[in-house]
């Protein structure tokens, strides 16, 4: 579907990256991903379990003030933080993958 060979060879031809720099960047990205993963675990554990599914079965109403303003509460903030951390993990993973594919001095190794 997509031609990734052309894109990766363009990256390899435009970078003057030595093997030491490449390894340093990969290690730094692994450390960042590890820290983000730990942060994701902590944020998810801070979130409370909701009983929305049970209320849907029993027919209870969530039309309270808390139910209407849930996005502005602590739970809403934690959900936003979780989404941001998830996006950061995905971006660093993609960058890590692209950099690890670049064979320094010889182009892209697939």
Protein backbone atom coordinates (compact mmCIF):
# COMPACT_ATOMS: atom_id res chain seq x y z
CA UNK A 1 0.00 0.00 0.00
CA UNK A 2 2.63 2.56 1.08
CA UNK A 3 6.20 2.62 -0.13
CA UNK A 4 8.20 2.89 3.08
CA UNK A 5 11.50 2.01 1.36
CA UNK A 6 11.64 5.40 -0.35
CA UNK A 7 10.81 7.27 2.84
CA UNK A 8 13.36 5.38 4.94
CA UNK A 9 16.10 5.71 2.33
CA UNK A 10 15.48 9.46 2.23
CA UNK A 11 15.94 9.58 6.01
CA UNK A 12 19.11 7.50 5.79
CA UNK A 13 20.60 9.65 3.02
CA UNK A 14 19.95 12.96 4.76
CA UNK A 15 21.29 12.05 8.20
CA UNK A 16 24.95 12.20 9.17
CA UNK A 17 24.41 9.92 12.13
CA UNK A 18 27.26 7.85 13.49
CA UNK A 19 26.65 4.48 15.10
CA UNK A 20 27.37 5.92 18.58
CA UNK A 21 24.87 8.73 18.11
CA UNK A 22 22.27 6.28 16.83
CA UNK A 23 22.76 3.98 19.83
CA UNK A 24 22.58 6.96 22.20
CA UNK A 25 19.33 8.18 20.67
CA UNK A 26 17.84 4.68 20.83
CA UNK A 27 18.81 4.31 24.49
CA UNK A 28 17.36 7.74 25.28
CA UNK A 29 14.10 6.82 23.53
CA UNK A 30 13.92 3.53 25.47
CA UNK A 31 14.39 5.40 28.75
CA UNK A 32 11.68 7.91 27.77
CA UNK A 33 9.30 5.09 26.81
CA UNK A 34 9.99 3.32 30.12
CA UNK A 35 9.27 6.48 32.12
CA UNK A 36 6.09 7.08 30.11
CA UNK A 37 4.98 3.47 30.67
CA UNK A 38 5.46 3.82 34.43
CA UNK A 39 3.57 7.13 34.35
CA UNK A 40 0.75 5.46 32.40
CA UNK A 41 0.49 2.69 35.00
CA UNK A 42 0.39 5.20 37.86
CA UNK A 43 -2.26 7.38 36.16
CA UNK A 44 -4.44 4.37 35.32
CA UNK A 45 -4.20 3.08 38.89
CA UNK A 46 -5.22 6.52 40.19
CA UNK A 47 -8.47 6.36 38.21
CA UNK A 48 -11.54 5.06 39.97
CA UNK A 49 -13.64 2.29 38.57
CA UNK A 50 -17.00 3.54 37.39
CA UNK A 51 -20.35 1.93 37.83
CA UNK A 52 -21.77 3.32 34.61
CA UNK A 53 -22.24 -0.15 33.15
CA UNK A 54 -24.13 -1.35 36.19
CA UNK A 55 -26.30 1.76 36.19
CA UNK A 56 -27.16 1.15 32.55
CA UNK A 57 -28.37 -2.36 33.42
CA UNK A 58 -30.32 -1.36 36.53
CA UNK A 59 -31.80 1.75 34.94
CA UNK A 60 -30.27 4.22 37.39
CA UNK A 61 -29.96 7.78 36.28
CA UNK A 62 -26.67 9.68 36.02
CA UNK A 63 -28.33 13.06 35.63
CA UNK A 64 -26.75 14.38 38.80
CA UNK A 65 -24.48 17.40 38.90
CA UNK A 66 -21.47 15.10 39.17
CA UNK A 67 -22.60 13.03 36.18
CA UNK A 68 -23.02 16.10 34.00
CA UNK A 69 -19.68 17.67 34.97
CA UNK A 70 -17.55 14.53 34.98
CA UNK A 71 -15.23 15.90 32.29
CA UNK A 72 -14.24 18.80 34.57
CA UNK A 73 -13.52 16.59 37.56
CA UNK A 74 -10.44 14.67 38.64
CA UNK A 75 -11.52 11.67 36.56
CA UNK A 76 -11.78 13.81 33.44
CA UNK A 77 -8.30 15.22 34.04
CA UNK A 78 -6.87 11.74 34.57
CA UNK A 79 -8.46 10.52 31.34
CA UNK A 80 -6.91 13.43 29.44
CA UNK A 81 -3.51 12.74 30.99
CA UNK A 82 -3.85 9.05 30.07
CA UNK A 83 -4.61 9.97 26.47
CA UNK A 84 -1.66 12.38 26.29
CA UNK A 85 0.74 9.78 27.72
CA UNK A 86 -0.59 7.19 25.27
CA UNK A 87 0.02 9.53 22.34
CA UNK A 88 3.55 10.28 23.56
CA UNK A 89 4.31 6.55 23.85
CA UNK A 90 3.07 5.99 20.31
CA UNK A 91 5.12 8.87 18.88
CA UNK A 92 8.32 7.78 20.65
CA UNK A 93 7.73 4.18 19.51
CA UNK A 94 7.38 5.25 15.88
CA UNK A 95 10.51 7.42 16.09
CA UNK A 96 12.39 4.55 17.75
CA UNK A 97 11.30 2.18 14.97
CA UNK A 98 12.36 4.55 12.20
CA UNK A 99 15.75 5.29 13.76
CA UNK A 100 16.41 1.61 14.41
CA UNK A 101 15.76 0.81 10.73
CA UNK A 102 18.37 3.28 9.51
CA UNK A 103 21.66 1.47 8.94
CA UNK A 104 24.31 4.10 9.50
CA UNK A 105 26.34 4.77 6.38
CA UNK A 106 24.63 2.12 4.25
CA UNK A 107 21.01 3.22 3.97
CA UNK A 108 18.01 1.34 5.24
CA UNK A 109 18.11 -2.27 6.29
CA UNK A 110 14.76 -4.03 5.89
